[in-house]
Amino acid sequence: MTEPEVVELADLVPMRTEIGNCIAAFSMVESTLSLLYGNLMHPAPRQLCFLTLDEARHIETKCRIIIAVGKIVLSAEDLPYSRTS
């Protein structure tokens, strides 16, 4: 009988590290979007703003919400040098 052929797998640590880095980067983007949304919604309670934005599951939806709110907030007439579009 012959010995079974041994196949070694490549080291998975670098791949796992990169996947972890990608997850961390995406989490940072989502956190930054939540903070931006909370600032745009001021004086609303920040925690409620975070919760409402968190209910939007897809990143595209979150971006659309922030763009819509940002256009309204940043085009207020009481802001200096405001532009309306």
PDB file of N, CA and C in Angstrom:
ATOM      1  N   MET A   1       0.825  -1.190   0.000  1.00  0.00           N
ATOM      2  CA  MET A   1       0.000   0.000   0.000  1.00  0.00           C
ATOM      3  C   MET A   1       0.871   1.256   0.000  1.00  0.00           C
ATOM      4  N   THR A   2       0.450   2.226  -0.741  1.00  0.00           N
ATOM      5  CA  THR A   2       1.216   3.468  -0.797  1.00  0.00           C
ATOM      6  C   THR A   2       0.735   4.437   0.279  1.00  0.00           C
ATOM      7  N   GLU A   3       1.621   5.316   0.642  1.00  0.00           N
ATOM      8  CA  GLU A   3       1.294   6.343   1.641  1.00  0.00           C
ATOM      9  C   GLU A   3       0.381   7.394   1.000  1.00  0.00           C
ATOM     10  N   PRO A   4      -0.581   7.905   1.771  1.00  0.00           N
ATOM     11  CA  PRO A   4      -1.433   8.969   1.214  1.00  0.00           C
ATOM     12  C   PRO A   4      -0.619  10.232   0.949  1.00  0.00           C
ATOM     13  N   GLU A   5      -1.010  10.922  -0.089  1.00  0.00           N
ATOM     14  CA  GLU A   5      -0.310  12.151  -0.457  1.00  0.00           C
ATOM     15  C   GLU A   5      -0.735  13.272   0.484  1.00  0.00           C
ATOM     16  N   VAL A   6       0.223  13.959   1.030  1.00  0.00           N
ATOM     17  CA  VAL A   6      -0.049  15.043   1.976  1.00  0.00           C
ATOM     18  C   VAL A   6      -0.075  16.363   1.208  1.00  0.00           C
ATOM     19  N   VAL A   7      -1.160  17.077   1.386  1.00  0.00           N
ATOM     20  CA  VAL A   7      -1.294  18.381   0.739  1.00  0.00           C
ATOM     21  C   VAL A   7      -1.349  19.433   1.837  1.00  0.00           C
ATOM     22  N   GLU A   8      -0.480  20.405   1.758  1.00  0.00           N
ATOM     23  CA  GLU A   8      -0.478  21.466   2.760  1.00  0.00           C
ATOM     24  C   GLU A   8      -1.255  22.663   2.233  1.00  0.00           C
ATOM     25  N   LEU A   9      -2.052  23.233   3.097  1.00  0.00           N
ATOM     26  CA  LEU A   9      -2.792  24.437   2.735  1.00  0.00           C
ATOM     27  C   LEU A   9      -1.935  25.662   2.977  1.00  0.00           C
ATOM     28  N   ALA A  10      -2.194  26.659   2.219  1.00  0.00           N
ATOM     29  CA  ALA A  10      -1.474  27.912   2.404  1.00  0.00           C
ATOM     30  C   ALA A  10      -1.844  28.509   3.758  1.00  0.00           C
ATOM     31  N   ASP A  11      -0.954  29.304   4.284  1.00  0.00           N
ATOM     32  CA  ASP A  11      -1.192  29.961   5.564  1.00  0.00           C
ATOM     33  C   ASP A  11      -2.356  30.946   5.409  1.00  0.00           C
ATOM     34  N   LEU A  12      -3.380  30.820   6.250  1.00  0.00           N
ATOM     35  CA  LEU A  12      -4.570  31.654   6.142  1.00  0.00           C
ATOM     36  C   LEU A  12      -4.512  32.917   7.009  1.00  0.00           C
ATOM     37  N   VAL A  13      -3.471  33.058   7.806  1.00  0.00           N
ATOM     38  CA  VAL A  13      -3.378  34.216   8.697  1.00  0.00           C
ATOM     39  C   VAL A  13      -3.377  35.543   7.926  1.00  0.00           C
ATOM     40  N   PRO A  14      -2.610  35.702   6.845  1.00  0.00           N
ATOM     41  CA  PRO A  14      -2.655  36.979   6.117  1.00  0.00           C
ATOM     42  C   PRO A  14      -4.045  37.297   5.557  1.00  0.00           C
ATOM     43  N   MET A  15      -4.733  36.270   5.065  1.00  0.00           N
ATOM     44  CA  MET A  15      -6.072  36.491   4.519  1.00  0.00           C
ATOM     45  C   MET A  15      -7.038  36.913   5.631  1.00  0.00           C
ATOM     46  N   ARG A  16      -6.965  36.244   6.761  1.00  0.00           N
ATOM     47  CA  ARG A  16      -7.833  36.598   7.890  1.00  0.00           C
ATOM     48  C   ARG A  16      -7.533  38.001   8.397  1.00  0.00           C
ATOM     49  N   THR A  17      -6.282  38.369   8.393  1.00  0.00           N
ATOM     50  CA  THR A  17      -5.894  39.720   8.818  1.00  0.00           C
ATOM     51  C   THR A  17      -6.490  40.761   7.885  1.00  0.00           C
ATOM     52  N   GLU A  18      -6.413  40.527   6.587  1.00  0.00           N
ATOM     53  CA  GLU A  18      -6.970  41.483   5.624  1.00  0.00           C
ATOM     54  C   GLU A  18      -8.489  41.560   5.719  1.00  0.00           C
ATOM     55  N   ILE A  19      -9.140  40.436   5.939  1.00  0.00           N
ATOM     56  CA  ILE A  19     -10.598  40.452   6.111  1.00  0.00           C
ATOM     57  C   ILE A  19     -10.961  41.252   7.353  1.00  0.00           C
ATOM     58  N   GLY A  20     -10.206  41.073   8.420  1.00  0.00           N
ATOM     59  CA  GLY A  20     -10.429  41.860   9.640  1.00  0.00           C
ATOM     60  C   GLY A  20     -10.230  43.342   9.397  1.00  0.00           C
ATOM     61  N   ASN A  21      -9.205  43.691   8.617  1.00  0.00           N
ATOM     62  CA  ASN A  21      -8.967  45.101   8.287  1.00  0.00           C
ATOM     63  C   ASN A  21     -10.121  45.688   7.476  1.00  0.00           C
ATOM     64  N   CYS A  22     -10.660  44.909   6.555  1.00  0.00           N
ATOM     65  CA  CYS A  22     -11.794  45.381   5.741  1.00  0.00           C
ATOM     66  C   CYS A  22     -13.030  45.594   6.595  1.00  0.00           C
ATOM     67  N   ILE A  23     -13.289  44.670   7.504  1.00  0.00           N
ATOM     68  CA  ILE A  23     -14.437  44.819   8.396  1.00  0.00           C
ATOM     69  C   ILE A  23     -14.266  46.047   9.283  1.00  0.00           C
ATOM     70  N   ALA A  24     -13.058  46.258   9.792  1.00  0.00           N
ATOM     71  CA  ALA A  24     -12.793  47.428  10.632  1.00  0.00           C
ATOM     72  C   ALA A  24     -12.965  48.725   9.843  1.00  0.00           C
ATOM     73  N   ALA A  25     -12.510  48.746   8.598  1.00  0.00           N
ATOM     74  CA  ALA A  25     -12.653  49.951   7.767  1.00  0.00           C
ATOM     75  C   ALA A  25     -14.122  50.242   7.483  1.00  0.00           C
ATOM     76  N   PHE A  26     -14.894  49.219   7.183  1.00  0.00           N
ATOM     77  CA  PHE A  26     -16.314  49.414   6.913  1.00  0.00           C
ATOM     78  C   PHE A  26     -17.041  49.900   8.161  1.00  0.00           C
ATOM     79  N   SER A  27     -16.667  49.355   9.312  1.00  0.00           N
ATOM     80  CA  SER A  27     -17.266  49.805  10.568  1.00  0.00           C
ATOM     81  C   SER A  27     -16.936  51.268  10.833  1.00  0.00           C
ATOM     82  N   MET A  28     -15.730  51.682  10.490  1.00  0.00           N
ATOM     83  CA  MET A  28     -15.330  53.078  10.679  1.00  0.00           C
ATOM     84  C   MET A  28     -16.152  53.994   9.770  1.00  0.00           C
ATOM     85  N   VAL A  29     -16.392  53.569   8.545  1.00  0.00           N
ATOM     86  CA  VAL A  29     -17.214  54.363   7.627  1.00  0.00           C
ATOM     87  C   VAL A  29     -18.628  54.506   8.180  1.00  0.00           C
ATOM     88  N   GLU A  30     -19.207  53.410   8.653  1.00  0.00           N
ATOM     89  CA  GLU A  30     -20.565  53.471   9.200  1.00  0.00           C
ATOM     90  C   GLU A  30     -20.618  54.341  10.450  1.00  0.00           C
ATOM     91  N   SER A  31     -19.596  54.268  11.293  1.00  0.00           N
ATOM     92  CA  SER A  31     -19.557  55.106  12.495  1.00  0.00           C
ATOM     93  C   SER A  31     -19.471  56.581  12.126  1.00  0.00           C
ATOM     94  N   THR A  32     -18.655  56.885  11.135  1.00  0.00           N
ATOM     95  CA  THR A  32     -18.507  58.269  10.697  1.00  0.00           C
ATOM     96  C   THR A  32     -19.814  58.791  10.111  1.00  0.00           C
ATOM     97  N   LEU A  33     -20.509  57.965   9.336  1.00  0.00           N
ATOM     98  CA  LEU A  33     -21.805  58.373   8.792  1.00  0.00           C
ATOM     99  C   LEU A  33     -22.807  58.639   9.915  1.00  0.00           C
ATOM    100  N   SER A  34     -22.793  57.809  10.947  1.00  0.00           N
ATOM    101  CA  SER A  34     -23.701  58.017  12.076  1.00  0.00           C
ATOM    102  C   SER A  34     -23.394  59.318  12.797  1.00  0.00           C
ATOM    103  N   LEU A  35     -22.116  59.607  12.995  1.00  0.00           N
ATOM    104  CA  LEU A  35     -21.741  60.863  13.652  1.00  0.00           C
ATOM    105  C   LEU A  35     -22.135  62.070  12.804  1.00  0.00           C
ATOM    106  N   LEU A  36     -21.930  61.977  11.503  1.00  0.00           N
ATOM    107  CA  LEU A  36     -22.324  63.058  10.606  1.00  0.00           C
ATOM    108  C   LEU A  36     -23.825  63.280  10.660  1.00  0.00           C
ATOM    109  N   TYR A  37     -24.587  62.201  10.619  1.00  0.00           N
ATOM    110  CA  TYR A  37     -26.043  62.292  10.692  1.00  0.00           C
ATOM    111  C   TYR A  37     -26.479  62.904  12.022  1.00  0.00           C
ATOM    112  N   GLY A  38     -25.845  62.482  13.113  1.00  0.00           N
ATOM    113  CA  GLY A  38     -26.162  63.052  14.420  1.00  0.00           C
ATOM    114  C   GLY A  38     -25.900  64.544  14.475  1.00  0.00           C
ATOM    115  N   ASN A  39     -24.813  64.983  13.850  1.00  0.00           N
ATOM    116  CA  ASN A  39     -24.510  66.423  13.816  1.00  0.00           C
ATOM    117  C   ASN A  39     -25.506  67.184  12.953  1.00  0.00           C
ATOM    118  N   LEU A  40     -25.910  66.593  11.839  1.00  0.00           N
ATOM    119  CA  LEU A  40     -26.882  67.261  10.972  1.00  0.00           C
ATOM    120  C   LEU A  40     -28.248  67.372  11.634  1.00  0.00           C
ATOM    121  N   MET A  41     -28.589  66.407  12.466  1.00  0.00           N
ATOM    122  CA  MET A  41     -29.905  66.387  13.102  1.00  0.00           C
ATOM    123  C   MET A  41     -29.949  67.165  14.412  1.00  0.00           C
ATOM    124  N   HIS A  42     -28.851  67.808  14.785  1.00  0.00           N
ATOM    125  CA  HIS A  42     -28.814  68.587  16.034  1.00  0.00           C
ATOM    126  C   HIS A  42     -29.953  69.600  16.032  1.00  0.00           C
ATOM    127  N   PRO A  43     -30.712  69.777  17.039  1.00  0.00           N
ATOM    128  CA  PRO A  43     -30.601  69.415  18.447  1.00  0.00           C
ATOM    129  C   PRO A  43     -31.313  68.117  18.821  1.00  0.00           C
ATOM    130  N   ALA A  44     -31.635  67.270  17.887  1.00  0.00           N
ATOM    131  CA  ALA A  44     -32.253  65.981  18.214  1.00  0.00           C
ATOM    132  C   ALA A  44     -31.272  65.144  19.047  1.00  0.00           C
ATOM    133  N   PRO A  45     -31.783  64.290  19.924  1.00  0.00           N
ATOM    134  CA  PRO A  45     -30.889  63.442  20.734  1.00  0.00           C
ATOM    135  C   PRO A  45     -30.012  62.551  19.858  1.00  0.00           C
ATOM    136  N   ARG A  46     -28.704  62.560  20.112  1.00  0.00           N
ATOM    137  CA  ARG A  46     -27.753  61.815  19.292  1.00  0.00           C
ATOM    138  C   ARG A  46     -28.049  60.317  19.261  1.00  0.00           C
ATOM    139  N   GLN A  47     -28.380  59.754  20.422  1.00  0.00           N
ATOM    140  CA  GLN A  47     -28.624  58.316  20.472  1.00  0.00           C
ATOM    141  C   GLN A  47     -29.803  57.923  19.581  1.00  0.00           C
ATOM    142  N   LEU A  48     -30.823  58.755  19.560  1.00  0.00           N
ATOM    143  CA  LEU A  48     -31.967  58.463  18.691  1.00  0.00           C
ATOM    144  C   LEU A  48     -31.590  58.581  17.223  1.00  0.00           C
ATOM    145  N   CYS A  49     -30.732  59.532  16.918  1.00  0.00           N
ATOM    146  CA  CYS A  49     -30.252  59.668  15.531  1.00  0.00           C
ATOM    147  C   CYS A  49     -29.479  58.425  15.115  1.00  0.00           C
ATOM    148  N   PHE A  50     -28.608  57.941  16.007  1.00  0.00           N
ATOM    149  CA  PHE A  50     -27.837  56.742  15.697  1.00  0.00           C
ATOM    150  C   PHE A  50     -28.763  55.555  15.462  1.00  0.00           C
ATOM    151  N   LEU A  51     -29.787  55.441  16.310  1.00  0.00           N
ATOM    152  CA  LEU A  51     -30.723  54.321  16.172  1.00  0.00           C
ATOM    153  C   LEU A  51     -31.522  54.403  14.880  1.00  0.00           C
ATOM    154  N   THR A  52     -31.954  55.605  14.513  1.00  0.00           N
ATOM    155  CA  THR A  52     -32.747  55.724  13.286  1.00  0.00           C
ATOM    156  C   THR A  52     -31.912  55.413  12.047  1.00  0.00           C
ATOM    157  N   LEU A  53     -30.683  55.888  12.027  1.00  0.00           N
ATOM    158  CA  LEU A  53     -29.835  55.601  10.865  1.00  0.00           C
ATOM    159  C   LEU A  53     -29.450  54.121  10.832  1.00  0.00           C
ATOM    160  N   ASP A  54     -29.317  53.522  11.987  1.00  0.00           N
ATOM    161  CA  ASP A  54     -28.970  52.109  12.049  1.00  0.00           C
ATOM    162  C   ASP A  54     -30.074  51.219  11.480  1.00  0.00           C
ATOM    163  N   GLU A  55     -31.309  51.696  11.492  1.00  0.00           N
ATOM    164  CA  GLU A  55     -32.431  50.926  10.942  1.00  0.00           C
ATOM    165  C   GLU A  55     -32.344  50.807   9.423  1.00  0.00           C
ATOM    166  N   ALA A  56     -31.664  51.735   8.778  1.00  0.00           N
ATOM    167  CA  ALA A  56     -31.424  51.622   7.337  1.00  0.00           C
ATOM    168  C   ALA A  56     -30.319  50.583   7.164  1.00  0.00           C
ATOM    169  N   ARG A  57     -30.644  49.450   6.604  1.00  0.00           N
ATOM    170  CA  ARG A  57     -29.703  48.326   6.569  1.00  0.00           C
ATOM    171  C   ARG A  57     -28.582  48.490   5.541  1.00  0.00           C
ATOM    172  N   HIS A  58     -28.878  49.068   4.403  1.00  0.00           N
ATOM    173  CA  HIS A  58     -27.893  49.155   3.328  1.00  0.00           C
ATOM    174  C   HIS A  58     -27.164  50.491   3.373  1.00  0.00           C
ATOM    175  N   ILE A  59     -25.892  50.451   3.029  1.00  0.00           N
ATOM    176  CA  ILE A  59     -25.072  51.661   3.069  1.00  0.00           C
ATOM    177  C   ILE A  59     -25.579  52.699   2.072  1.00  0.00           C
ATOM    178  N   GLU A  60     -26.109  52.247   0.937  1.00  0.00           N
ATOM    179  CA  GLU A  60     -26.640  53.176  -0.065  1.00  0.00           C
ATOM    180  C   GLU A  60     -27.831  53.947   0.507  1.00  0.00           C
ATOM    181  N   THR A  61     -28.679  53.267   1.245  1.00  0.00           N
ATOM    182  CA  THR A  61     -29.831  53.922   1.862  1.00  0.00           C
ATOM    183  C   THR A  61     -29.376  54.937   2.895  1.00  0.00           C
ATOM    184  N   LYS A  62     -28.375  54.581   3.685  1.00  0.00           N
ATOM    185  CA  LYS A  62     -27.843  55.508   4.687  1.00  0.00           C
ATOM    186  C   LYS A  62     -27.290  56.766   4.020  1.00  0.00           C
ATOM    187  N   CYS A  63     -26.580  56.584   2.926  1.00  0.00           N
ATOM    188  CA  CYS A  63     -26.021  57.738   2.208  1.00  0.00           C
ATOM    189  C   CYS A  63     -27.127  58.620   1.640  1.00  0.00           C
ATOM    190  N   ARG A  64     -28.175  58.014   1.119  1.00  0.00           N
ATOM    191  CA  ARG A  64     -29.290  58.802   0.578  1.00  0.00           C
ATOM    192  C   ARG A  64     -29.985  59.605   1.674  1.00  0.00           C
ATOM    193  N   ILE A  65     -30.145  59.002   2.844  1.00  0.00           N
ATOM    194  CA  ILE A  65     -30.759  59.711   3.974  1.00  0.00           C
ATOM    195  C   ILE A  65     -29.903  60.909   4.363  1.00  0.00           C
ATOM    196  N   ILE A  66     -28.603  60.701   4.473  1.00  0.00           N
ATOM    197  CA  ILE A  66     -27.703  61.782   4.877  1.00  0.00           C
ATOM    198  C   ILE A  66     -27.681  62.882   3.829  1.00  0.00           C
ATOM    199  N   ILE A  67     -27.693  62.530   2.568  1.00  0.00           N
ATOM    200  CA  ILE A  67     -27.713  63.545   1.502  1.00  0.00           C
ATOM    201  C   ILE A  67     -28.996  64.355   1.567  1.00  0.00           C
ATOM    202  N   ALA A  68     -30.131  63.689   1.769  1.00  0.00           N
ATOM    203  CA  ALA A  68     -31.411  64.395   1.828  1.00  0.00           C
ATOM    204  C   ALA A  68     -31.461  65.346   3.021  1.00  0.00           C
ATOM    205  N   VAL A  69     -31.047  64.862   4.179  1.00  0.00           N
ATOM    206  CA  VAL A  69     -31.048  65.710   5.378  1.00  0.00           C
ATOM    207  C   VAL A  69     -30.026  66.828   5.224  1.00  0.00           C
ATOM    208  N   GLY A  70     -28.863  66.507   4.694  1.00  0.00           N
ATOM    209  CA  GLY A  70     -27.812  67.510   4.519  1.00  0.00           C
ATOM    210  C   GLY A  70     -28.236  68.650   3.605  1.00  0.00           C
ATOM    211  N   LYS A  71     -28.950  68.329   2.537  1.00  0.00           N
ATOM    212  CA  LYS A  71     -29.416  69.382   1.624  1.00  0.00           C
ATOM    213  C   LYS A  71     -30.372  70.330   2.325  1.00  0.00           C
ATOM    214  N   ILE A  72     -31.230  69.789   3.169  1.00  0.00           N
ATOM    215  CA  ILE A  72     -32.190  70.641   3.884  1.00  0.00           C
ATOM    216  C   ILE A  72     -31.482  71.464   4.950  1.00  0.00           C
ATOM    217  N   VAL A  73     -30.644  70.818   5.741  1.00  0.00           N
ATOM    218  CA  VAL A  73     -29.974  71.510   6.845  1.00  0.00           C
ATOM    219  C   VAL A  73     -28.989  72.547   6.335  1.00  0.00           C
ATOM    220  N   LEU A  74     -28.194  72.192   5.358  1.00  0.00           N
ATOM    221  CA  LEU A  74     -27.146  73.090   4.881  1.00  0.00           C
ATOM    222  C   LEU A  74     -27.657  74.175   3.951  1.00  0.00           C
ATOM    223  N   SER A  75     -28.913  74.112   3.551  1.00  0.00           N
ATOM    224  CA  SER A  75     -29.455  75.175   2.709  1.00  0.00           C
ATOM    225  C   SER A  75     -30.321  76.127   3.525  1.00  0.00           C
ATOM    226  N   ALA A  76     -30.260  76.037   4.847  1.00  0.00           N
ATOM    227  CA  ALA A  76     -31.046  76.922   5.698  1.00  0.00           C
ATOM    228  C   ALA A  76     -30.640  78.367   5.463  1.00  0.00           C
ATOM    229  N   GLU A  77     -31.604  79.240   5.507  1.00  0.00           N
ATOM    230  CA  GLU A  77     -31.332  80.645   5.213  1.00  0.00           C
ATOM    231  C   GLU A  77     -30.516  81.326   6.300  1.00  0.00           C
ATOM    232  N   ASP A  78     -30.503  80.765   7.509  1.00  0.00           N
ATOM    233  CA  ASP A  78     -29.756  81.414   8.576  1.00  0.00           C
ATOM    234  C   ASP A  78     -28.266  81.096   8.549  1.00  0.00           C
ATOM    235  N   LEU A  79     -27.835  80.202   7.654  1.00  0.00           N
ATOM    236  CA  LEU A  79     -26.418  79.913   7.537  1.00  0.00           C
ATOM    237  C   LEU A  79     -25.754  80.954   6.641  1.00  0.00           C
ATOM    238  N   PRO A  80     -24.576  81.418   7.007  1.00  0.00           N
ATOM    239  CA  PRO A  80     -23.879  82.369   6.134  1.00  0.00           C
ATOM    240  C   PRO A  80     -23.429  81.672   4.853  1.00  0.00           C
ATOM    241  N   TYR A  81     -23.501  82.379   3.785  1.00  0.00           N
ATOM    242  CA  TYR A  81     -23.069  81.894   2.480  1.00  0.00           C
ATOM    243  C   TYR A  81     -23.767  80.602   2.065  1.00  0.00           C
ATOM    244  N   SER A  82     -25.048  80.501   2.372  1.00  0.00           N
ATOM    245  CA  SER A  82     -25.752  79.275   2.030  1.00  0.00           C
ATOM    246  C   SER A  82     -26.094  79.268   0.554  1.00  0.00           C
ATOM    247  N   ARG A  83     -26.129  78.066  -0.001  1.00  0.00           N
ATOM    248  CA  ARG A  83     -26.507  77.861  -1.390  1.00  0.00           C
ATOM    249  C   ARG A  83     -27.702  76.923  -1.395  1.00  0.00           C
ATOM    250  N   THR A  84     -28.692  77.229  -2.184  1.00  0.00           N
ATOM    251  CA  THR A  84     -29.823  76.319  -2.335  1.00  0.00           C
ATOM    252  C   THR A  84     -29.734  75.679  -3.707  1.00  0.00           C
ATOM    253  N   SER A  85     -30.019  74.378  -3.734  1.00  0.00           N
ATOM    254  CA  SER A  85     -29.965  73.690  -5.034  1.00  0.00           C
ATOM    255  C   SER A  85     -31.269  72.995  -5.309  1.00  0.00           C
TER     256      SER A  85
END
